[in-house]
C-alpha atoms as a PDB file:
ATOM      1  CA  MET A   1      23.497  15.964  10.510  1.00  0.00           C
ATOM      2  CA  GLU A   2      24.502  12.648  10.749  1.00  0.00           C
ATOM      3  CA  LYS A   3      22.486   9.621   9.275  1.00  0.00           C
ATOM      4  CA  ALA A   4      21.504   7.108  12.478  1.00  0.00           C
ATOM      5  CA  SER A   5      22.151   3.667  11.587  1.00  0.00           C
ATOM      6  CA  MET A   6      19.217   1.344  12.191  1.00  0.00           C
ATOM      7  CA  LYS A   7      20.838  -0.716  14.441  1.00  0.00           C
ATOM      8  CA  SER A   8      21.937   2.650  16.510  1.00  0.00           C
ATOM      9  CA  MET A   9      17.892   3.624  16.917  1.00  0.00           C
ATOM     10  CA  LYS A  10      16.177   3.359  19.610  1.00  0.00           C
ATOM     11  CA  PRO A  11      13.572   0.627  19.517  1.00  0.00           C
ATOM     12  CA  GLY A  12      10.201   2.139  18.349  1.00  0.00           C
ATOM     13  CA  THR A  13      11.530   5.037  16.385  1.00  0.00           C
ATOM     14  CA  ARG A  14      11.620   3.115  12.557  1.00  0.00           C
ATOM     15  CA  GLY A  15       7.618   2.933  12.519  1.00  0.00           C
ATOM     16  CA  GLU A  16       7.380  -0.604  14.631  1.00  0.00           C
ATOM     17  CA  LEU A  17       3.894   0.446  15.781  1.00  0.00           C
ATOM     18  CA  LEU A  18       2.875   1.430  11.962  1.00  0.00           C
ATOM     19  CA  VAL A  19       3.724  -2.131  11.170  1.00  0.00           C
ATOM     20  CA  VAL A  20       1.526  -3.591  14.001  1.00  0.00           C
ATOM     21  CA  ILE A  21      -1.314  -1.103  12.936  1.00  0.00           C
ATOM     22  CA  GLN A  22      -0.990  -2.641   9.335  1.00  0.00           C
ATOM     23  CA  MET A  23      -1.697  -6.241  10.727  1.00  0.00           C
ATOM     24  CA  ALA A  24      -4.331  -5.125  12.672  1.00  0.00           C
ATOM     25  CA  LEU A  25      -5.852  -3.700   9.724  1.00  0.00           C
ATOM     26  CA  VAL A  26      -5.106  -6.561   7.287  1.00  0.00           C
ATOM     27  CA  ALA A  27      -6.958  -9.070  10.379  1.00  0.00           C
ATOM     28  CA  LEU A  28      -9.845  -6.553  10.727  1.00  0.00           C
ATOM     29  CA  PHE A  29     -10.301  -6.538   6.998  1.00  0.00           C
ATOM     30  CA  PHE A  30     -10.437 -10.412   6.992  1.00  0.00           C
ATOM     31  CA  PHE A  31     -12.847 -10.546  10.043  1.00  0.00           C
ATOM     32  CA  THR A  32     -15.148  -8.137   9.135  1.00  0.00           C
ATOM     33  CA  PRO A  33     -18.521  -9.422   7.911  1.00  0.00           C
ATOM     34  CA  GLU A  34     -20.113  -8.628   4.864  1.00  0.00           C
ATOM     35  CA  TRP A  35     -22.530  -6.008   5.514  1.00  0.00           C
ATOM     36  CA  PRO A  36     -25.122  -5.571   4.122  1.00  0.00           C
ATOM     37  CA  ASP A  37     -25.155  -9.258   2.808  1.00  0.00           C
ATOM     38  CA  PHE A  38     -26.425  -8.923  -0.718  1.00  0.00           C
ATOM     39  CA  ARG A  39     -25.537 -12.770  -1.421  1.00  0.00           C
ATOM     40  CA  ASN A  40     -29.194 -13.735  -1.795  1.00  0.00           C
ATOM     41  CA  GLY A  41     -30.341 -10.324  -3.797  1.00  0.00           C
ATOM     42  CA  GLU A  42     -31.188  -9.941  -7.055  1.00  0.00           C
ATOM     43  CA  LEU A  43     -29.008  -6.953  -7.487  1.00  0.00           C
ATOM     44  CA  TYR A  44     -26.106  -9.489  -6.407  1.00  0.00           C
ATOM     45  CA  ARG A  45     -26.915 -11.519  -9.101  1.00  0.00           C
ATOM     46  CA  GLN A  46     -27.685  -8.577 -11.845  1.00  0.00           C
ATOM     47  CA  LEU A  47     -24.227  -7.336 -11.174  1.00  0.00           C
ATOM     48  CA  ALA A  48     -22.130 -10.630 -11.157  1.00  0.00           C
ATOM     49  CA  VAL A  49     -20.014  -9.215 -14.394  1.00  0.00           C
ATOM     50  CA  LEU A  50     -19.204  -6.037 -12.832  1.00  0.00           C
ATOM     51  CA  ARG A  51     -18.539  -7.759  -9.383  1.00  0.00           C
ATOM     52  CA  TRP A  52     -16.427 -10.710 -10.518  1.00  0.00           C
ATOM     53  CA  GLY A  53     -14.434  -7.800 -13.377  1.00  0.00           C
ATOM     54  CA  SER A  54     -13.595  -5.849 -10.301  1.00  0.00           C
ATOM     55  CA  LEU A  55     -12.632  -8.636  -7.929  1.00  0.00           C
ATOM     56  CA  VAL A  56     -10.442 -10.102 -11.059  1.00  0.00           C
ATOM     57  CA  ALA A  57      -8.815  -6.403 -12.168  1.00  0.00           C
ATOM     58  CA  GLY A  58      -8.114  -6.094  -8.444  1.00  0.00           C
ATOM     59  CA  MET A  59      -6.341  -9.243  -7.771  1.00  0.00           C
ATOM     60  CA  ILE A  60      -4.407  -9.153 -11.008  1.00  0.00           C
ATOM     61  CA  ILE A  61      -3.364  -5.436 -10.488  1.00  0.00           C
ATOM     62  CA  ALA A  62      -2.294  -6.082  -6.987  1.00  0.00           C
ATOM     63  CA  ALA A  63      -0.564  -9.280  -7.613  1.00  0.00           C
ATOM     64  CA  ILE A  64       1.609  -7.253 -10.439  1.00  0.00           C
ATOM     65  CA  LEU A  65       2.244  -4.406  -7.860  1.00  0.00           C
ATOM     66  CA  GLY A  66       3.159  -6.942  -4.788  1.00  0.00           C
ATOM     67  CA  ILE A  67       5.252  -9.433  -6.580  1.00  0.00           C
ATOM     68  CA  GLY A  68       7.006  -6.745  -8.908  1.00  0.00           C
ATOM     69  CA  GLY A  69       7.507  -4.599  -5.954  1.00  0.00           C
ATOM     70  CA  SER A  70       9.011  -7.131  -3.594  1.00  0.00           C
ATOM     71  CA  LEU A  71      11.113  -8.461  -6.094  1.00  0.00           C
ATOM     72  CA  THR A  72      12.723  -5.110  -7.305  1.00  0.00           C
ATOM     73  CA  ILE A  73      13.219  -4.114  -3.884  1.00  0.00           C
ATOM     74  CA  ARG A  74      13.938  -7.628  -2.006  1.00  0.00           C
ATOM     75  CA  ARG A  75      17.732  -6.324  -1.105  1.00  0.00           C
ATOM     76  CA  TYR A  76      16.354  -3.514   0.885  1.00  0.00           C
ATOM     77  CA  LEU A  77      12.702  -5.301   2.021  1.00  0.00           C
ATOM     78  CA  THR A  78      12.056  -4.710   5.721  1.00  0.00           C
ATOM     79  CA  PRO A  79       8.687  -4.823   7.554  1.00  0.00           C
ATOM     80  CA  LEU A  80       9.528  -1.664   8.777  1.00  0.00           C
ATOM     81  CA  PRO A  81       9.143   1.685   6.854  1.00  0.00           C
ATOM     82  CA  TYR A  82      12.438   2.826   8.049  1.00  0.00           C
ATOM     83  CA  PRO A  83      14.963   2.388   5.272  1.00  0.00           C
ATOM     84  CA  VAL A  84      17.591   0.035   5.671  1.00  0.00           C
ATOM     85  CA  ASP A  85      21.360   1.235   6.244  1.00  0.00           C
ATOM     86  CA  HIS A  86      22.548  -0.381   3.011  1.00  0.00           C
ATOM     87  CA  SER A  87      19.301   1.180   0.492  1.00  0.00           C
ATOM     88  CA  LYS A  88      20.017   2.918  -2.638  1.00  0.00           C
ATOM     89  CA  LEU A  89      16.897   4.592  -4.086  1.00  0.00           C
ATOM     90  CA  VAL A  90      14.978   2.271  -6.508  1.00  0.00           C
ATOM     91  CA  ASP A  91      13.034   3.974  -9.197  1.00  0.00           C
ATOM     92  CA  THR A  92      12.667   0.988 -11.846  1.00  0.00           C
ATOM     93  CA  GLY A  93      10.691  -1.781 -12.361  1.00  0.00           C
ATOM     94  CA  VAL A  94       6.797  -1.148 -10.639  1.00  0.00           C
ATOM     95  CA  TYR A  95       8.814   1.683  -8.730  1.00  0.00           C
ATOM     96  CA  ALA A  96       8.747   3.437 -12.097  1.00  0.00           C
ATOM     97  CA  TYR A  97       5.047   3.913 -12.122  1.00  0.00           C
ATOM     98  CA  VAL A  98       3.965   3.865  -7.971  1.00  0.00           C
ATOM     99  CA  ARG A  99       6.326   4.983  -5.055  1.00  0.00           C
ATOM    100  CA  HIS A 100       4.696   2.092  -2.748  1.00  0.00           C
ATOM    101  CA  PRO A 101       3.367  -0.570  -4.768  1.00  0.00           C
ATOM    102  CA  LEU A 102       3.322  -2.873  -1.944  1.00  0.00           C
ATOM    103  CA  TYR A 103       0.824  -0.798   0.080  1.00  0.00           C
ATOM    104  CA  SER A 104      -0.995  -0.376  -3.347  1.00  0.00           C
ATOM    105  CA  SER A 105      -1.271  -3.983  -3.802  1.00  0.00           C
ATOM    106  CA  GLN A 106      -3.108  -4.362  -0.477  1.00  0.00           C
ATOM    107  CA  LEU A 107      -5.254  -1.282  -1.596  1.00  0.00           C
ATOM    108  CA  PHE A 108      -6.234  -2.623  -4.954  1.00  0.00           C
ATOM    109  CA  ALA A 109      -6.810  -6.283  -3.433  1.00  0.00           C
ATOM    110  CA  ALA A 110      -9.257  -4.969  -0.746  1.00  0.00           C
ATOM    111  CA  ALA A 111     -10.852  -2.658  -3.241  1.00  0.00           C
ATOM    112  CA  GLY A 112     -11.550  -5.578  -5.203  1.00  0.00           C
ATOM    113  CA  TRP A 113     -12.863  -7.841  -3.008  1.00  0.00           C
ATOM    114  CA  ALA A 114     -15.258  -4.854  -1.282  1.00  0.00           C
ATOM    115  CA  VAL A 115     -16.900  -4.309  -4.845  1.00  0.00           C
ATOM    116  CA  PHE A 116     -17.523  -8.115  -5.483  1.00  0.00           C
ATOM    117  CA  SER A 117     -19.184  -8.728  -1.877  1.00  0.00           C
ATOM    118  CA  LEU A 118     -20.514  -5.389  -2.218  1.00  0.00           C
ATOM    119  CA  SER A 119     -19.779  -5.040   1.019  1.00  0.00           C
ATOM    120  CA  LEU A 120     -19.954  -1.501   2.747  1.00  0.00           C
ATOM    121  CA  SER A 121     -18.239  -2.823   5.727  1.00  0.00           C
ATOM    122  CA  HIS A 122     -15.163  -3.938   3.830  1.00  0.00           C
ATOM    123  CA  LEU A 123     -15.255  -0.651   1.807  1.00  0.00           C
ATOM    124  CA  LEU A 124     -15.017   1.336   4.839  1.00  0.00           C
ATOM    125  CA  VAL A 125     -12.059  -0.794   6.133  1.00  0.00           C
ATOM    126  CA  THR A 126     -10.492  -0.113   2.785  1.00  0.00           C
ATOM    127  CA  ILE A 127     -10.836   3.587   3.215  1.00  0.00           C
ATOM    128  CA  VAL A 128      -9.385   3.528   6.732  1.00  0.00           C
ATOM    129  CA  ALA A 129      -6.570   1.636   5.144  1.00  0.00           C
ATOM    130  CA  ALA A 130      -6.074   4.099   2.376  1.00  0.00           C
ATOM    131  CA  LEU A 131      -5.821   6.747   5.138  1.00  0.00           C
ATOM    132  CA  PHE A 132      -3.222   4.896   7.073  1.00  0.00           C
ATOM    133  CA  PHE A 133      -0.985   4.086   4.376  1.00  0.00           C
ATOM    134  CA  ASN A 134      -1.150   7.459   2.872  1.00  0.00           C
ATOM    135  CA  TYR A 135       0.422   8.361   6.685  1.00  0.00           C
ATOM    136  CA  LYS A 136       2.752   5.659   6.587  1.00  0.00           C
ATOM    137  CA  ALA A 137       4.083   6.365   3.319  1.00  0.00           C
ATOM    138  CA  SER A 138       4.296  10.160   4.291  1.00  0.00           C
ATOM    139  CA  LYS A 139       7.076   8.826   7.295  1.00  0.00           C
ATOM    140  CA  GLU A 140       8.738   6.703   5.120  1.00  0.00           C
ATOM    141  CA  GLU A 141       9.235   9.425   2.312  1.00  0.00           C
ATOM    142  CA  ALA A 142      10.501  11.572   4.875  1.00  0.00           C
ATOM    143  CA  TRP A 143      12.696   9.050   6.164  1.00  0.00           C
ATOM    144  CA  LEU A 144      13.670   8.262   2.365  1.00  0.00           C
ATOM    145  CA  THR A 145      14.424  11.898   1.332  1.00  0.00           C
ATOM    146  CA  GLU A 146      16.704  12.427   4.552  1.00  0.00           C
ATOM    147  CA  ARG A 147      18.632   9.271   3.330  1.00  0.00           C
ATOM    148  CA  HIS A 148      18.346  10.319  -0.455  1.00  0.00           C
ATOM    149  CA  PRO A 149      17.654  13.810  -1.428  1.00  0.00           C
ATOM    150  CA  GLU A 150      17.296  12.580  -4.671  1.00  0.00           C
ATOM    151  CA  TYR A 151      13.649  11.147  -3.783  1.00  0.00           C
ATOM    152  CA  ARG A 152      11.954  14.556  -3.709  1.00  0.00           C
ATOM    153  CA  ASP A 153      12.522  14.696  -7.663  1.00  0.00           C
ATOM    154  CA  TYR A 154      11.610  10.908  -7.947  1.00  0.00           C
ATOM    155  CA  ALA A 155       8.209  11.738  -5.756  1.00  0.00           C
ATOM    156  CA  ALA A 156       7.553  14.426  -8.289  1.00  0.00           C
ATOM    157  CA  ARG A 157       7.461  12.277 -11.265  1.00  0.00           C
ATOM    158  CA  VAL A 158       5.806   9.063  -9.939  1.00  0.00           C
ATOM    159  CA  GLY A 159       2.378   8.736  -8.379  1.00  0.00           C
ATOM    160  CA  LYS A 160       2.042   7.745  -4.729  1.00  0.00           C
ATOM    161  CA  PHE A 161      -0.270   4.601  -4.927  1.00  0.00           C
ATOM    162  CA  VAL A 162      -1.897   4.908  -8.577  1.00  0.00           C
ATOM    163  CA  PRO A 163       0.514   5.878 -11.665  1.00  0.00           C
ATOM    164  CA  GLY A 164       0.103   9.566 -12.083  1.00  0.00           C
ATOM    165  CA  VAL A 165      -1.625  10.242  -9.148  1.00  0.00           C
ATOM    166  CA  GLY A 166      -0.530  11.629  -5.834  1.00  0.00           C
ATOM    167  CA  LYS A 167       2.973  12.928  -7.175  1.00  0.00           C
ATOM    168  CA  LEU A 168       4.767  15.642  -5.040  1.00  0.00           C
ATOM    169  CA  LYS A 169       4.874  19.081  -5.959  1.00  0.00           C
ATOM    170  CA  LYS A 170       7.650  20.864  -6.596  1.00  0.00           C
END
C-alpha cells in the first residue's frame, strides 16, 4: 500500500480535530475555577510542603519533557499527530524514555497544579486530558507504525507517557 503524502491527504484526515480538542482542553484547564477552594483553610497551610513539592516537581518534569521533546524532534514537529512526509523515527533524547514527551509534559504540569491547588475540578480536567492524550497518541502511533514499521519494537521498549509505563506488548 502506497503511503499518502501529507500534502495529498484530504483536510481533516491528519488529526486536525484532535488539535482543536487539545487546545480546548488547555483553555478549559486554565479557565476552570478551583473547586473546592481551600486557600483560606487550615488543610491548605498544613500541606504547603507537599503542595509546593508537587508543583515544582511537576513543572520541572514538564519542562524537561517539553523542551527536550521539542528540541529532539524539531525537524518533524507539527501540531498535527499525523507524521510529516520527511519524518524519521526518533528514539533518542527524552524519546528514549517516553514515546510522547510533549503530551506527558502537559499532563505533569496539570497534575502538579491540581495537587498544588488541591482542586478537584483541575484534577478532573487532568484525568479527561490523560484519556484524550491516550486516544490521540494511539491514533498517532498507528500512523507512525504505518510509516515506520520499526515503531512497534520501539513502543515495546519505551513507556507511553511515563518511563517504563505503557509499553506495547509484543
